[in-house]
Amino acid sequence: MFEDTLELAENKLLLLYIINRLNLPVSNAQLTELVLKNSLMNYFILQQYIDELVSSEFLKHTNVSGSQRLVISGKGKKVLELFGDRVSEKKCAVVNDYIEKNWDDIEKDMTVTADYTIEKKDNFIVSLKAMEKDRLLIDIRMNVPSNKQARDLCSKWKEKCPELYEKITGILTEDI
């Protein structure tokens, strides 16, 4: 039973470590992907720990462009300062290595969003956003007539956001 308590504490500290290390608001899906890809814990335990960390105010939810994200609270940072050395060096190394190798994708995923909703049968609202740190760079909402077109726009935005942002800015700032 004592080992279970130590594992629980280490896993919660590991989650605080990951979110603190990322230093950006992270979605539950992004955190889940990082944890599962590195076999750090199973999905159900992860979700339980996230809920418990939020309930105890070590993590908090924040709204970033209409999406719920997780950030570490001041209380969470303090706990991590005091007890962070209880997370195994091996797990920290795995997390650090993953973040280093995948930083561009992680950052892009956290700062570029593309989604669509069905307004009516032949009317889809596409929402495309790009953020830099906590600053909104661009927020585009548009109607398109088909589900396929909505999916294609979202896919292209996620794939080519920097180039598209630059083109849009250039078009809007050029002399007419």
N, C-alpha and C. Protein backbone atom coordinates (compact mmCIF):
# COMPACT_ATOMS: atom_id res chain seq x y z
N MET A 1 0.81 -1.19 0.00
CA MET A 1 0.00 0.00 0.00
C MET A 1 0.86 1.26 0.00
N PHE A 2 1.98 1.24 0.74
CA PHE A 2 2.88 2.37 0.80
C PHE A 2 3.46 2.67 -0.59
N GLU A 3 3.80 1.59 -1.34
CA GLU A 3 4.33 1.77 -2.69
C GLU A 3 3.29 2.40 -3.61
N ASP A 4 2.01 2.03 -3.45
CA ASP A 4 0.95 2.62 -4.25
C ASP A 4 0.86 4.12 -4.00
N THR A 5 0.99 4.53 -2.75
CA THR A 5 0.94 5.94 -2.38
C THR A 5 2.12 6.69 -2.99
N LEU A 6 3.30 6.08 -2.95
CA LEU A 6 4.48 6.71 -3.55
C LEU A 6 4.33 6.85 -5.06
N GLU A 7 3.78 5.82 -5.71
CA GLU A 7 3.56 5.86 -7.15
C GLU A 7 2.54 6.94 -7.51
N LEU A 8 1.48 7.03 -6.74
CA LEU A 8 0.45 8.06 -6.96
C LEU A 8 1.08 9.45 -6.86
N ALA A 9 1.84 9.67 -5.81
CA ALA A 9 2.49 10.97 -5.61
C ALA A 9 3.46 11.27 -6.75
N GLU A 10 4.26 10.28 -7.15
CA GLU A 10 5.22 10.50 -8.23
C GLU A 10 4.52 10.81 -9.54
N ASN A 11 3.44 10.10 -9.83
CA ASN A 11 2.72 10.35 -11.08
C ASN A 11 2.09 11.74 -11.11
N LYS A 12 1.54 12.16 -10.00
CA LYS A 12 0.97 13.51 -9.95
C LYS A 12 2.06 14.57 -10.09
N LEU A 13 3.17 14.35 -9.43
CA LEU A 13 4.31 15.27 -9.57
C LEU A 13 4.83 15.27 -11.01
N LEU A 14 4.81 14.10 -11.65
CA LEU A 14 5.25 14.00 -13.04
C LEU A 14 4.35 14.84 -13.94
N LEU A 15 3.05 14.79 -13.71
CA LEU A 15 2.13 15.61 -14.51
C LEU A 15 2.39 17.10 -14.29
N LEU A 16 2.62 17.48 -13.06
CA LEU A 16 2.98 18.88 -12.79
C LEU A 16 4.28 19.25 -13.50
N TYR A 17 5.24 18.33 -13.46
CA TYR A 17 6.53 18.55 -14.13
C TYR A 17 6.33 18.77 -15.63
N ILE A 18 5.53 17.92 -16.26
CA ILE A 18 5.30 18.00 -17.71
C ILE A 18 4.68 19.35 -18.06
N ILE A 19 3.63 19.72 -17.37
CA ILE A 19 2.93 20.97 -17.69
C ILE A 19 3.82 22.18 -17.42
N ASN A 20 4.58 22.12 -16.33
CA ASN A 20 5.51 23.19 -16.03
C ASN A 20 6.61 23.28 -17.09
N ARG A 21 7.09 22.13 -17.51
CA ARG A 21 8.17 22.07 -18.52
C ARG A 21 7.70 22.60 -19.87
N LEU A 22 6.45 22.31 -20.24
CA LEU A 22 5.92 22.80 -21.51
C LEU A 22 5.78 24.32 -21.49
N ASN A 23 5.42 24.85 -20.34
CA ASN A 23 5.31 26.30 -20.14
C ASN A 23 4.32 26.97 -21.10
N LEU A 24 3.32 26.23 -21.52
CA LEU A 24 2.23 26.73 -22.35
C LEU A 24 0.95 26.05 -21.89
N PRO A 25 -0.19 26.72 -22.03
CA PRO A 25 -1.45 26.01 -21.73
C PRO A 25 -1.58 24.79 -22.63
N VAL A 26 -1.93 23.65 -22.06
CA VAL A 26 -1.98 22.39 -22.79
C VAL A 26 -3.38 21.79 -22.69
N SER A 27 -3.85 21.23 -23.79
CA SER A 27 -5.16 20.57 -23.75
C SER A 27 -5.02 19.20 -23.11
N ASN A 28 -6.12 18.69 -22.64
CA ASN A 28 -6.13 17.35 -22.07
C ASN A 28 -5.65 16.34 -23.11
N ALA A 29 -6.08 16.51 -24.35
CA ALA A 29 -5.68 15.59 -25.43
C ALA A 29 -4.17 15.63 -25.66
N GLN A 30 -3.58 16.81 -25.63
CA GLN A 30 -2.13 16.94 -25.85
C GLN A 30 -1.35 16.30 -24.71
N LEU A 31 -1.81 16.53 -23.48
CA LEU A 31 -1.15 15.92 -22.33
C LEU A 31 -1.29 14.41 -22.38
N THR A 32 -2.48 13.95 -22.73
CA THR A 32 -2.73 12.51 -22.83
C THR A 32 -1.82 11.88 -23.87
N GLU A 33 -1.68 12.53 -25.01
CA GLU A 33 -0.81 12.00 -26.07
C GLU A 33 0.63 11.86 -25.59
N LEU A 34 1.13 12.89 -24.94
CA LEU A 34 2.52 12.85 -24.46
C LEU A 34 2.70 11.73 -23.44
N VAL A 35 1.77 11.59 -22.51
CA VAL A 35 1.90 10.57 -21.46
C VAL A 35 1.77 9.17 -22.04
N LEU A 36 0.79 8.96 -22.91
CA LEU A 36 0.58 7.62 -23.46
C LEU A 36 1.67 7.21 -24.44
N LYS A 37 2.13 8.13 -25.28
CA LYS A 37 3.20 7.79 -26.23
C LYS A 37 4.47 7.36 -25.53
N ASN A 38 4.67 7.85 -24.32
CA ASN A 38 5.88 7.50 -23.58
C ASN A 38 5.62 6.46 -22.49
N SER A 39 4.43 5.86 -22.50
CA SER A 39 4.05 4.81 -21.56
C SER A 39 4.33 5.19 -20.10
N LEU A 40 3.98 6.41 -19.75
CA LEU A 40 4.24 6.89 -18.39
C LEU A 40 3.16 6.46 -17.41
N MET A 41 1.93 6.29 -17.89
CA MET A 41 0.82 5.77 -17.08
C MET A 41 -0.33 5.46 -18.02
N ASN A 42 -1.33 4.75 -17.53
CA ASN A 42 -2.45 4.41 -18.40
C ASN A 42 -3.48 5.55 -18.45
N TYR A 43 -4.32 5.50 -19.43
CA TYR A 43 -5.28 6.58 -19.71
C TYR A 43 -6.19 6.87 -18.51
N PHE A 44 -6.75 5.84 -17.91
CA PHE A 44 -7.73 6.04 -16.84
C PHE A 44 -7.09 6.65 -15.59
N ILE A 45 -5.92 6.18 -15.26
CA ILE A 45 -5.19 6.76 -14.12
C ILE A 45 -4.84 8.21 -14.42
N LEU A 46 -4.39 8.47 -15.63
CA LEU A 46 -4.03 9.83 -16.04
C LEU A 46 -5.21 10.78 -15.84
N GLN A 47 -6.38 10.39 -16.35
CA GLN A 47 -7.56 11.25 -16.24
C GLN A 47 -7.96 11.47 -14.77
N GLN A 48 -7.84 10.43 -13.97
CA GLN A 48 -8.14 10.55 -12.54
C GLN A 48 -7.18 11.56 -11.89
N TYR A 49 -5.89 11.44 -12.19
CA TYR A 49 -4.90 12.33 -11.59
C TYR A 49 -5.11 13.77 -12.03
N ILE A 50 -5.45 13.98 -13.31
CA ILE A 50 -5.71 15.34 -13.79
C ILE A 50 -6.87 15.94 -12.99
N ASP A 51 -7.95 15.18 -12.86
CA ASP A 51 -9.11 15.66 -12.09
C ASP A 51 -8.73 16.00 -10.65
N GLU A 52 -7.94 15.13 -10.03
CA GLU A 52 -7.54 15.35 -8.64
C GLU A 52 -6.62 16.58 -8.52
N LEU A 53 -5.73 16.77 -9.48
CA LEU A 53 -4.84 17.93 -9.45
C LEU A 53 -5.61 19.23 -9.65
N VAL A 54 -6.64 19.19 -10.49
CA VAL A 54 -7.50 20.37 -10.68
C VAL A 54 -8.30 20.63 -9.41
N SER A 55 -8.89 19.57 -8.83
CA SER A 55 -9.69 19.71 -7.60
C SER A 55 -8.87 20.27 -6.45
N SER A 56 -7.62 19.87 -6.36
CA SER A 56 -6.77 20.35 -5.27
C SER A 56 -6.05 21.66 -5.64
N GLU A 57 -6.39 22.20 -6.81
CA GLU A 57 -5.89 23.50 -7.29
C GLU A 57 -4.39 23.54 -7.56
N PHE A 58 -3.79 22.38 -7.89
CA PHE A 58 -2.41 22.35 -8.34
C PHE A 58 -2.35 22.64 -9.84
N LEU A 59 -3.42 22.27 -10.54
CA LEU A 59 -3.60 22.63 -11.94
C LEU A 59 -4.89 23.43 -12.02
N LYS A 60 -4.98 24.25 -13.05
CA LYS A 60 -6.24 24.96 -13.26
C LYS A 60 -6.56 25.00 -14.75
N HIS A 61 -7.85 25.10 -15.02
CA HIS A 61 -8.30 25.23 -16.40
C HIS A 61 -8.27 26.69 -16.79
N THR A 62 -7.87 26.93 -18.03
CA THR A 62 -7.91 28.26 -18.59
C THR A 62 -8.53 28.16 -19.97
N ASN A 63 -9.14 29.22 -20.40
CA ASN A 63 -9.78 29.24 -21.71
C ASN A 63 -8.86 29.96 -22.69
N VAL A 64 -8.42 29.25 -23.71
CA VAL A 64 -7.56 29.84 -24.74
C VAL A 64 -8.32 29.75 -26.06
N SER A 65 -8.79 30.87 -26.53
CA SER A 65 -9.53 30.94 -27.79
C SER A 65 -10.67 29.94 -27.85
N GLY A 66 -11.41 29.84 -26.77
CA GLY A 66 -12.57 28.96 -26.75
C GLY A 66 -12.26 27.51 -26.42
N SER A 67 -11.01 27.17 -26.17
CA SER A 67 -10.63 25.80 -25.83
C SER A 67 -10.17 25.73 -24.38
N GLN A 68 -10.59 24.68 -23.68
CA GLN A 68 -10.13 24.46 -22.31
C GLN A 68 -8.70 23.96 -22.33
N ARG A 69 -7.83 24.59 -21.59
CA ARG A 69 -6.43 24.19 -21.48
C ARG A 69 -6.06 24.07 -20.01
N LEU A 70 -5.02 23.31 -19.75
CA LEU A 70 -4.51 23.14 -18.39
C LEU A 70 -3.23 23.94 -18.22
N VAL A 71 -3.10 24.58 -17.07
CA VAL A 71 -1.87 25.27 -16.70
C VAL A 71 -1.57 24.93 -15.24
N ILE A 72 -0.33 25.02 -14.89
CA ILE A 72 0.05 24.76 -13.50
C ILE A 72 -0.22 26.05 -12.71
N SER A 73 -0.76 25.88 -11.52
CA SER A 73 -1.07 27.04 -10.67
C SER A 73 0.17 27.39 -9.84
N GLY A 74 0.11 28.52 -9.15
CA GLY A 74 1.19 28.89 -8.24
C GLY A 74 1.38 27.84 -7.16
N LYS A 75 0.27 27.30 -6.68
CA LYS A 75 0.31 26.25 -5.66
C LYS A 75 0.99 25.00 -6.22
N GLY A 76 0.69 24.67 -7.48
CA GLY A 76 1.31 23.52 -8.14
C GLY A 76 2.81 23.71 -8.31
N LYS A 77 3.22 24.93 -8.67
CA LYS A 77 4.65 25.23 -8.83
C LYS A 77 5.38 25.10 -7.50
N LYS A 78 4.72 25.54 -6.45
CA LYS A 78 5.34 25.46 -5.12
C LYS A 78 5.55 24.00 -4.71
N VAL A 79 4.53 23.16 -4.94
CA VAL A 79 4.63 21.73 -4.62
C VAL A 79 5.74 21.09 -5.45
N LEU A 80 5.81 21.47 -6.72
CA LEU A 80 6.84 20.92 -7.60
C LEU A 80 8.24 21.33 -7.13
N GLU A 81 8.39 22.58 -6.67
CA GLU A 81 9.66 23.05 -6.12
C GLU A 81 10.08 22.21 -4.91
N LEU A 82 9.10 21.96 -4.04
CA LEU A 82 9.39 21.25 -2.79
C LEU A 82 9.63 19.76 -2.98
N PHE A 83 8.86 19.14 -3.90
CA PHE A 83 8.88 17.68 -4.00
C PHE A 83 9.25 17.15 -5.38
N GLY A 84 9.62 18.03 -6.30
CA GLY A 84 9.94 17.61 -7.66
C GLY A 84 11.07 16.59 -7.76
N ASP A 85 11.95 16.58 -6.77
CA ASP A 85 13.06 15.62 -6.79
C ASP A 85 12.59 14.18 -6.55
N ARG A 86 11.31 14.01 -6.25
CA ARG A 86 10.76 12.66 -6.05
C ARG A 86 10.33 12.00 -7.34
N VAL A 87 10.36 12.76 -8.44
CA VAL A 87 10.07 12.18 -9.75
C VAL A 87 11.37 11.55 -10.25
N SER A 88 11.30 10.33 -10.73
CA SER A 88 12.52 9.65 -11.15
C SER A 88 13.20 10.40 -12.29
N GLU A 89 14.53 10.40 -12.22
CA GLU A 89 15.31 11.07 -13.25
C GLU A 89 15.05 10.46 -14.62
N LYS A 90 14.81 9.15 -14.64
CA LYS A 90 14.54 8.45 -15.90
C LYS A 90 13.27 8.99 -16.55
N LYS A 91 12.20 9.16 -15.77
CA LYS A 91 10.95 9.69 -16.32
C LYS A 91 11.12 11.13 -16.78
N CYS A 92 11.84 11.93 -16.01
CA CYS A 92 12.09 13.32 -16.42
C CYS A 92 12.88 13.35 -17.73
N ALA A 93 13.86 12.46 -17.86
CA ALA A 93 14.65 12.40 -19.08
C ALA A 93 13.79 12.01 -20.28
N VAL A 94 12.88 11.06 -20.09
CA VAL A 94 11.96 10.64 -21.16
C VAL A 94 11.11 11.83 -21.60
N VAL A 95 10.56 12.55 -20.62
CA VAL A 95 9.73 13.72 -20.93
C VAL A 95 10.55 14.80 -21.63
N ASN A 96 11.71 15.10 -21.10
CA ASN A 96 12.56 16.14 -21.71
C ASN A 96 12.95 15.77 -23.13
N ASP A 97 13.31 14.52 -23.34
CA ASP A 97 13.69 14.06 -24.67
C ASP A 97 12.52 14.17 -25.65
N TYR A 98 11.34 13.75 -25.21
CA TYR A 98 10.15 13.82 -26.07
C TYR A 98 9.84 15.28 -26.43
N ILE A 99 9.88 16.16 -25.44
CA ILE A 99 9.58 17.57 -25.69
C ILE A 99 10.59 18.18 -26.65
N GLU A 100 11.88 17.88 -26.44
CA GLU A 100 12.91 18.41 -27.33
C GLU A 100 12.71 17.94 -28.77
N LYS A 101 12.47 16.66 -28.95
CA LYS A 101 12.32 16.09 -30.29
C LYS A 101 11.04 16.56 -30.98
N ASN A 102 10.01 16.85 -30.20
CA ASN A 102 8.70 17.16 -30.78
C ASN A 102 8.26 18.60 -30.52
N TRP A 103 9.17 19.48 -30.10
CA TRP A 103 8.77 20.82 -29.69
C TRP A 103 8.04 21.59 -30.78
N ASP A 104 8.53 21.53 -32.00
CA ASP A 104 7.88 22.28 -33.08
C ASP A 104 6.43 21.85 -33.25
N ASP A 105 6.20 20.54 -33.23
CA ASP A 105 4.83 20.03 -33.37
C ASP A 105 3.98 20.38 -32.15
N ILE A 106 4.56 20.28 -30.96
CA ILE A 106 3.83 20.59 -29.73
C ILE A 106 3.43 22.06 -29.74
N GLU A 107 4.38 22.92 -30.02
CA GLU A 107 4.11 24.36 -30.01
C GLU A 107 3.09 24.73 -31.09
N LYS A 108 3.24 24.16 -32.26
CA LYS A 108 2.30 24.43 -33.35
C LYS A 108 0.90 23.96 -32.97
N ASP A 109 0.82 22.78 -32.38
CA ASP A 109 -0.47 22.23 -31.97
C ASP A 109 -1.12 23.09 -30.89
N MET A 110 -0.31 23.69 -30.04
CA MET A 110 -0.85 24.51 -28.97
C MET A 110 -1.23 25.91 -29.45
N THR A 111 -0.64 26.36 -30.53
CA THR A 111 -0.86 27.73 -30.95
C THR A 111 -1.71 27.86 -32.20
N VAL A 112 -1.94 26.78 -32.91
CA VAL A 112 -2.74 26.81 -34.13
C VAL A 112 -3.95 25.91 -33.93
N THR A 113 -5.14 26.50 -34.08
CA THR A 113 -6.35 25.69 -33.94
C THR A 113 -7.21 25.83 -35.18
N ALA A 114 -7.87 24.76 -35.52
CA ALA A 114 -8.79 24.74 -36.66
C ALA A 114 -9.93 23.79 -36.31
N ASP A 115 -11.13 24.30 -36.42
CA ASP A 115 -12.29 23.50 -36.06
C ASP A 115 -13.47 23.96 -36.89
N TYR A 116 -14.49 23.13 -36.98
CA TYR A 116 -15.71 23.54 -37.68
C TYR A 116 -16.93 22.96 -36.99
N THR A 117 -18.04 23.65 -37.18
CA THR A 117 -19.32 23.20 -36.63
C THR A 117 -20.35 23.21 -37.75
N ILE A 118 -21.38 22.41 -37.58
CA ILE A 118 -22.46 22.35 -38.56
C ILE A 118 -23.51 23.37 -38.15
N GLU A 119 -23.76 24.33 -39.02
CA GLU A 119 -24.76 25.35 -38.76
C GLU A 119 -26.13 24.84 -39.22
N LYS A 120 -26.18 24.42 -40.46
CA LYS A 120 -27.37 23.82 -41.07
C LYS A 120 -26.87 22.72 -41.98
N LYS A 121 -27.80 22.06 -42.69
CA LYS A 121 -27.44 20.92 -43.53
C LYS A 121 -26.27 21.24 -44.48
N ASP A 122 -26.35 22.35 -45.18
CA ASP A 122 -25.31 22.71 -46.16
C ASP A 122 -24.57 23.98 -45.75
N ASN A 123 -24.33 24.13 -44.47
CA ASN A 123 -23.66 25.33 -43.98
C ASN A 123 -22.77 24.96 -42.80
N PHE A 124 -21.46 25.07 -42.99
CA PHE A 124 -20.48 24.73 -41.97
C PHE A 124 -19.70 25.99 -41.61
N ILE A 125 -19.54 26.22 -40.32
CA ILE A 125 -18.76 27.37 -39.84
C ILE A 125 -17.37 26.86 -39.50
N VAL A 126 -16.36 27.40 -40.18
CA VAL A 126 -14.97 27.02 -39.95
C VAL A 126 -14.32 28.11 -39.11
N SER A 127 -13.62 27.71 -38.07
CA SER A 127 -12.92 28.65 -37.19
C SER A 127 -11.43 28.33 -37.22
N LEU A 128 -10.64 29.29 -37.67
CA LEU A 128 -9.19 29.13 -37.80
C LEU A 128 -8.51 30.18 -36.93
N LYS A 129 -7.59 29.74 -36.07
CA LYS A 129 -6.92 30.68 -35.16
C LYS A 129 -5.44 30.37 -35.08
N ALA A 130 -4.69 31.42 -34.80
CA ALA A 130 -3.26 31.27 -34.52
C ALA A 130 -2.91 32.18 -33.36
N MET A 131 -2.17 31.62 -32.42
CA MET A 131 -1.75 32.36 -31.22
C MET A 131 -0.23 32.37 -31.15
N GLU A 132 0.29 33.39 -30.50
CA GLU A 132 1.71 33.44 -30.17
C GLU A 132 1.79 33.78 -28.70
N LYS A 133 2.24 32.82 -27.92
CA LYS A 133 2.18 32.90 -26.46
C LYS A 133 0.72 33.13 -26.08
N ASP A 134 0.39 34.22 -25.40
CA ASP A 134 -1.01 34.48 -25.02
C ASP A 134 -1.67 35.49 -25.95
N ARG A 135 -1.03 35.81 -27.06
CA ARG A 135 -1.53 36.85 -27.96
C ARG A 135 -2.17 36.25 -29.19
N LEU A 136 -3.39 36.67 -29.48
CA LEU A 136 -4.09 36.22 -30.67
C LEU A 136 -3.50 36.92 -31.89
N LEU A 137 -3.04 36.13 -32.86
CA LEU A 137 -2.50 36.70 -34.10
C LEU A 137 -3.59 36.87 -35.15
N ILE A 138 -4.41 35.81 -35.31
CA ILE A 138 -5.45 35.85 -36.32
C ILE A 138 -6.58 34.92 -35.90
N ASP A 139 -7.80 35.34 -36.22
CA ASP A 139 -8.98 34.56 -35.89
C ASP A 139 -9.95 34.73 -37.06
N ILE A 140 -10.11 33.68 -37.82
CA ILE A 140 -10.96 33.72 -39.01
C ILE A 140 -12.14 32.77 -38.82
N ARG A 141 -13.33 33.28 -39.07
CA ARG A 141 -14.53 32.43 -39.08
C ARG A 141 -15.18 32.62 -40.45
N MET A 142 -15.53 31.50 -41.06
CA MET A 142 -16.13 31.58 -42.39
C MET A 142 -17.11 30.44 -42.63
N ASN A 143 -18.08 30.70 -43.50
CA ASN A 143 -19.06 29.68 -43.89
C ASN A 143 -18.56 28.96 -45.12
N VAL A 144 -18.74 27.66 -45.15
CA VAL A 144 -18.46 26.87 -46.35
C VAL A 144 -19.63 25.90 -46.55
N PRO A 145 -19.87 25.48 -47.79
CA PRO A 145 -21.07 24.69 -48.09
C PRO A 145 -20.97 23.18 -47.83
N SER A 146 -19.76 22.65 -47.59
CA SER A 146 -19.67 21.20 -47.45
C SER A 146 -18.76 20.79 -46.30
N ASN A 147 -19.01 19.61 -45.77
CA ASN A 147 -18.21 19.03 -44.72
C ASN A 147 -16.78 18.81 -45.22
N LYS A 148 -16.64 18.35 -46.45
CA LYS A 148 -15.32 18.09 -47.03
C LYS A 148 -14.51 19.38 -47.10
N GLN A 149 -15.14 20.45 -47.56
CA GLN A 149 -14.43 21.72 -47.66
C GLN A 149 -14.02 22.21 -46.27
N ALA A 150 -14.88 22.05 -45.27
CA ALA A 150 -14.55 22.44 -43.90
C ALA A 150 -13.34 21.64 -43.39
N ARG A 151 -13.35 20.32 -43.60
CA ARG A 151 -12.23 19.48 -43.17
C ARG A 151 -10.94 19.87 -43.90
N ASP A 152 -11.05 20.12 -45.21
CA ASP A 152 -9.87 20.49 -45.99
C ASP A 152 -9.27 21.81 -45.52
N LEU A 153 -10.13 22.80 -45.23
CA LEU A 153 -9.63 24.09 -44.74
C LEU A 153 -8.93 23.92 -43.39
N CYS A 154 -9.51 23.14 -42.50
CA CYS A 154 -8.90 22.91 -41.19
C CYS A 154 -7.55 22.22 -41.34
N SER A 155 -7.50 21.23 -42.20
CA SER A 155 -6.26 20.49 -42.42
C SER A 155 -5.17 21.39 -43.00
N LYS A 156 -5.54 22.16 -44.01
CA LYS A 156 -4.56 23.06 -44.65
C LYS A 156 -4.08 24.13 -43.67
N TRP A 157 -4.99 24.66 -42.85
CA TRP A 157 -4.61 25.68 -41.87
C TRP A 157 -3.60 25.13 -40.87
N LYS A 158 -3.86 23.92 -40.36
CA LYS A 158 -2.93 23.33 -39.40
C LYS A 158 -1.58 23.02 -40.04
N GLU A 159 -1.61 22.65 -41.30
CA GLU A 159 -0.38 22.27 -42.01
C GLU A 159 0.44 23.48 -42.44
N LYS A 160 -0.23 24.56 -42.86
CA LYS A 160 0.48 25.68 -43.48
C LYS A 160 0.17 27.03 -42.84
N CYS A 161 -0.15 27.05 -41.59
CA CYS A 161 -0.56 28.29 -40.93
C CYS A 161 0.44 29.44 -41.09
N PRO A 162 1.73 29.25 -40.81
CA PRO A 162 2.64 30.40 -40.93
C PRO A 162 2.64 31.03 -42.33
N GLU A 163 2.65 30.18 -43.37
CA GLU A 163 2.66 30.71 -44.73
C GLU A 163 1.34 31.42 -45.05
N LEU A 164 0.23 30.82 -44.63
CA LEU A 164 -1.08 31.42 -44.90
C LEU A 164 -1.24 32.73 -44.15
N TYR A 165 -0.78 32.78 -42.91
CA TYR A 165 -0.84 34.01 -42.12
C TYR A 165 -0.05 35.12 -42.81
N GLU A 166 1.14 34.78 -43.28
CA GLU A 166 1.98 35.76 -43.97
C GLU A 166 1.31 36.26 -45.24
N LYS A 167 0.71 35.35 -46.03
CA LYS A 167 0.03 35.75 -47.26
C LYS A 167 -1.17 36.65 -46.97
N ILE A 168 -1.96 36.28 -45.97
CA ILE A 168 -3.15 37.07 -45.62
C ILE A 168 -2.72 38.46 -45.16
N THR A 169 -1.71 38.53 -44.31
CA THR A 169 -1.21 39.82 -43.83
C THR A 169 -0.69 40.66 -44.99
N GLY A 170 0.04 40.02 -45.90
CA GLY A 170 0.56 40.74 -47.07
C GLY A 170 -0.54 41.29 -47.95
N ILE A 171 -1.56 40.49 -48.19
CA ILE A 171 -2.67 40.93 -49.03
C ILE A 171 -3.41 42.10 -48.36
N LEU A 172 -3.62 42.01 -47.08
CA LEU A 172 -4.37 43.04 -46.38
C LEU A 172 -3.59 44.33 -46.18
N THR A 173 -2.27 44.27 -46.22
CA THR A 173 -1.47 45.48 -46.00
C THR A 173 -0.93 46.09 -47.29
N GLU A 174 -1.13 45.41 -48.41
CA GLU A 174 -0.64 45.99 -49.67
C GLU A 174 -1.57 47.11 -50.13
N ASP A 175 -1.04 48.04 -50.86
CA ASP A 175 -1.83 49.14 -51.40
C ASP A 175 -2.78 48.63 -52.47
N ILE A 176 -3.99 49.07 -52.40
CA ILE A 176 -5.01 48.63 -53.36
C ILE A 176 -5.14 49.64 -54.46
